[in-house]
Amino acid sequence: METIVIQTDAKKAKAIKQFLKAFGISFKTEAKTEESPYNPEFVKKILERAESAKQGNVVEYTDELRKELFGK
């Protein structure tokens, strides 16, 4: 017995399964869920800040602000 691992999207996977069935080839599938490498709380904060910015809640970075923050 030989094992072949194929990674593809759902649409192509359906066609491959039909092909294998037509040739009488046994197979099994595994749905792989990808976990985000990012902390969910961090992602939530970023998305909230992005929405806030879309609503106009922003501070324009000007030379005056730069001087105030960094003294240069």
N, C-alpha and C. Protein backbone atom coordinates (compact mmCIF):
# COMPACT_ATOMS: atom_id res chain seq x y z
N MET A 1 0.85 -1.18 0.00
CA MET A 1 0.00 0.00 0.00
C MET A 1 0.89 1.24 0.00
N GLU A 2 0.44 2.25 -0.71
CA GLU A 2 1.16 3.51 -0.79
C GLU A 2 0.22 4.63 -0.37
N THR A 3 0.74 5.62 0.33
CA THR A 3 -0.06 6.75 0.78
C THR A 3 0.34 7.99 0.00
N ILE A 4 -0.67 8.68 -0.49
CA ILE A 4 -0.46 9.94 -1.19
C ILE A 4 -1.23 11.02 -0.43
N VAL A 5 -0.55 12.08 -0.07
CA VAL A 5 -1.19 13.18 0.64
C VAL A 5 -1.40 14.32 -0.35
N ILE A 6 -2.65 14.76 -0.48
CA ILE A 6 -2.99 15.84 -1.39
C ILE A 6 -3.62 16.96 -0.58
N GLN A 7 -3.08 18.15 -0.71
CA GLN A 7 -3.64 19.30 0.00
C GLN A 7 -4.22 20.25 -1.04
N THR A 8 -5.52 20.50 -0.95
CA THR A 8 -6.18 21.35 -1.93
C THR A 8 -7.41 21.99 -1.33
N ASP A 9 -8.04 22.87 -2.09
CA ASP A 9 -9.26 23.51 -1.61
C ASP A 9 -10.45 22.57 -1.76
N ALA A 10 -11.57 22.95 -1.17
CA ALA A 10 -12.74 22.08 -1.11
C ALA A 10 -13.29 21.73 -2.49
N LYS A 11 -13.27 22.69 -3.40
CA LYS A 11 -13.82 22.45 -4.75
C LYS A 11 -13.01 21.38 -5.48
N LYS A 12 -11.70 21.49 -5.45
CA LYS A 12 -10.84 20.51 -6.11
C LYS A 12 -10.89 19.17 -5.39
N ALA A 13 -11.01 19.22 -4.06
CA ALA A 13 -11.07 17.98 -3.29
C ALA A 13 -12.29 17.16 -3.69
N LYS A 14 -13.40 17.82 -3.94
CA LYS A 14 -14.62 17.12 -4.36
C LYS A 14 -14.39 16.39 -5.68
N ALA A 15 -13.73 17.04 -6.62
CA ALA A 15 -13.45 16.43 -7.93
C ALA A 15 -12.49 15.25 -7.78
N ILE A 16 -11.50 15.40 -6.92
CA ILE A 16 -10.53 14.32 -6.70
C ILE A 16 -11.22 13.11 -6.07
N LYS A 17 -12.11 13.36 -5.12
CA LYS A 17 -12.85 12.27 -4.48
C LYS A 17 -13.70 11.52 -5.50
N GLN A 18 -14.36 12.25 -6.40
CA GLN A 18 -15.17 11.61 -7.43
C GLN A 18 -14.30 10.75 -8.35
N PHE A 19 -13.13 11.26 -8.68
CA PHE A 19 -12.18 10.52 -9.52
C PHE A 19 -11.77 9.22 -8.84
N LEU A 20 -11.41 9.31 -7.56
CA LEU A 20 -10.97 8.13 -6.82
C LEU A 20 -12.10 7.10 -6.70
N LYS A 21 -13.32 7.58 -6.45
CA LYS A 21 -14.47 6.68 -6.36
C LYS A 21 -14.70 5.97 -7.69
N ALA A 22 -14.56 6.71 -8.80
CA ALA A 22 -14.78 6.13 -10.13
C ALA A 22 -13.80 5.00 -10.41
N PHE A 23 -12.60 5.09 -9.87
CA PHE A 23 -11.58 4.06 -10.08
C PHE A 23 -11.58 3.01 -8.96
N GLY A 24 -12.50 3.14 -8.02
CA GLY A 24 -12.61 2.16 -6.95
C GLY A 24 -11.44 2.21 -5.98
N ILE A 25 -10.87 3.38 -5.82
CA ILE A 25 -9.74 3.55 -4.91
C ILE A 25 -10.26 4.00 -3.55
N SER A 26 -9.87 3.28 -2.51
CA SER A 26 -10.31 3.66 -1.16
C SER A 26 -9.48 4.85 -0.68
N PHE A 27 -10.13 5.71 0.09
CA PHE A 27 -9.44 6.89 0.61
C PHE A 27 -10.14 7.35 1.88
N LYS A 28 -9.45 8.18 2.63
CA LYS A 28 -10.07 8.83 3.78
C LYS A 28 -9.61 10.28 3.78
N THR A 29 -10.44 11.13 4.34
CA THR A 29 -10.13 12.55 4.35
C THR A 29 -10.06 13.07 5.77
N GLU A 30 -9.33 14.14 5.92
CA GLU A 30 -9.23 14.85 7.19
C GLU A 30 -9.39 16.32 6.90
N ALA A 31 -10.31 16.96 7.59
CA ALA A 31 -10.45 18.41 7.46
C ALA A 31 -9.47 19.04 8.43
N LYS A 32 -8.56 19.79 7.89
CA LYS A 32 -7.55 20.42 8.73
C LYS A 32 -7.94 21.87 8.98
N THR A 33 -8.09 22.21 10.23
CA THR A 33 -8.40 23.59 10.59
C THR A 33 -7.10 24.27 10.99
N GLU A 34 -6.89 25.43 10.42
CA GLU A 34 -5.68 26.18 10.74
C GLU A 34 -5.96 27.11 11.89
N GLU A 35 -5.15 27.01 12.91
CA GLU A 35 -5.28 27.89 14.05
C GLU A 35 -4.43 29.12 13.82
N SER A 36 -4.95 30.24 14.23
CA SER A 36 -4.21 31.49 14.09
C SER A 36 -3.03 31.50 15.06
N PRO A 37 -1.88 31.97 14.60
CA PRO A 37 -0.72 32.06 15.50
C PRO A 37 -0.82 33.26 16.45
N TYR A 38 -1.87 34.07 16.28
CA TYR A 38 -2.01 35.29 17.07
C TYR A 38 -2.93 35.08 18.27
N ASN A 39 -2.65 35.82 19.32
CA ASN A 39 -3.46 35.81 20.53
C ASN A 39 -4.83 36.39 20.19
N PRO A 40 -5.92 35.66 20.47
CA PRO A 40 -7.26 36.13 20.11
C PRO A 40 -7.62 37.49 20.73
N GLU A 41 -7.15 37.75 21.95
CA GLU A 41 -7.43 39.04 22.59
C GLU A 41 -6.74 40.17 21.84
N PHE A 42 -5.51 39.93 21.37
CA PHE A 42 -4.77 40.92 20.61
C PHE A 42 -5.49 41.21 19.29
N VAL A 43 -5.93 40.17 18.61
CA VAL A 43 -6.65 40.33 17.34
C VAL A 43 -7.91 41.15 17.56
N LYS A 44 -8.64 40.86 18.64
CA LYS A 44 -9.87 41.59 18.95
C LYS A 44 -9.58 43.08 19.13
N LYS A 45 -8.51 43.41 19.87
CA LYS A 45 -8.15 44.81 20.10
C LYS A 45 -7.81 45.51 18.78
N ILE A 46 -7.05 44.84 17.93
CA ILE A 46 -6.66 45.43 16.65
C ILE A 46 -7.90 45.70 15.79
N LEU A 47 -8.82 44.74 15.73
CA LEU A 47 -10.03 44.92 14.94
C LEU A 47 -10.90 46.04 15.49
N GLU A 48 -10.96 46.16 16.82
CA GLU A 48 -11.72 47.25 17.43
C GLU A 48 -11.10 48.60 17.10
N ARG A 49 -9.77 48.70 17.15
CA ARG A 49 -9.07 49.95 16.83
C ARG A 49 -9.26 50.32 15.36
N ALA A 50 -9.25 49.32 14.49
CA ALA A 50 -9.45 49.57 13.06
C ALA A 50 -10.85 50.13 12.82
N GLU A 51 -11.84 49.57 13.49
CA GLU A 51 -13.21 50.05 13.35
C GLU A 51 -13.33 51.47 13.89
N SER A 52 -12.67 51.74 15.00
CA SER A 52 -12.68 53.08 15.59
C SER A 52 -12.06 54.09 14.63
N ALA A 53 -10.98 53.70 13.97
CA ALA A 53 -10.32 54.59 13.01
C ALA A 53 -11.22 54.86 11.81
N LYS A 54 -11.95 53.85 11.36
CA LYS A 54 -12.89 54.04 10.24
C LYS A 54 -13.96 55.07 10.59
N GLN A 55 -14.29 55.16 11.88
CA GLN A 55 -15.32 56.10 12.34
C GLN A 55 -14.73 57.49 12.57
N GLY A 56 -13.45 57.66 12.26
CA GLY A 56 -12.83 58.98 12.37
C GLY A 56 -12.13 59.25 13.68
N ASN A 57 -12.05 58.30 14.56
CA ASN A 57 -11.40 58.48 15.85
C ASN A 57 -9.89 58.26 15.68
N VAL A 58 -9.20 59.29 15.15
CA VAL A 58 -7.77 59.19 14.86
C VAL A 58 -7.06 60.46 15.32
N VAL A 59 -5.75 60.38 15.42
CA VAL A 59 -4.92 61.53 15.72
C VAL A 59 -3.95 61.68 14.56
N GLU A 60 -3.91 62.88 13.97
CA GLU A 60 -3.02 63.11 12.84
C GLU A 60 -1.60 63.33 13.35
N TYR A 61 -0.67 62.63 12.75
CA TYR A 61 0.73 62.74 13.15
C TYR A 61 1.35 63.92 12.41
N THR A 62 1.58 64.99 13.15
CA THR A 62 2.14 66.21 12.57
C THR A 62 3.51 66.47 13.17
N ASP A 63 4.21 67.49 12.62
CA ASP A 63 5.51 67.86 13.18
C ASP A 63 5.37 68.33 14.63
N GLU A 64 4.27 69.03 14.92
CA GLU A 64 4.05 69.51 16.29
C GLU A 64 3.88 68.33 17.26
N LEU A 65 3.11 67.33 16.85
CA LEU A 65 2.92 66.16 17.69
C LEU A 65 4.22 65.40 17.88
N ARG A 66 5.00 65.28 16.80
CA ARG A 66 6.30 64.59 16.89
C ARG A 66 7.21 65.30 17.89
N LYS A 67 7.25 66.63 17.82
CA LYS A 67 8.09 67.41 18.74
C LYS A 67 7.60 67.23 20.17
N GLU A 68 6.28 67.21 20.35
CA GLU A 68 5.71 67.03 21.69
C GLU A 68 6.05 65.65 22.27
N LEU A 69 5.98 64.63 21.42
CA LEU A 69 6.22 63.28 21.89
C LEU A 69 7.71 62.97 22.06
N PHE A 70 8.53 63.45 21.11
CA PHE A 70 9.93 63.05 21.08
C PHE A 70 10.90 64.17 21.36
N GLY A 71 10.40 65.41 21.46
CA GLY A 71 11.26 66.54 21.79
C GLY A 71 12.27 66.91 20.72
N LYS A 72 12.04 66.56 19.50
CA LYS A 72 12.99 66.90 18.43
C LYS A 72 12.33 67.76 17.40
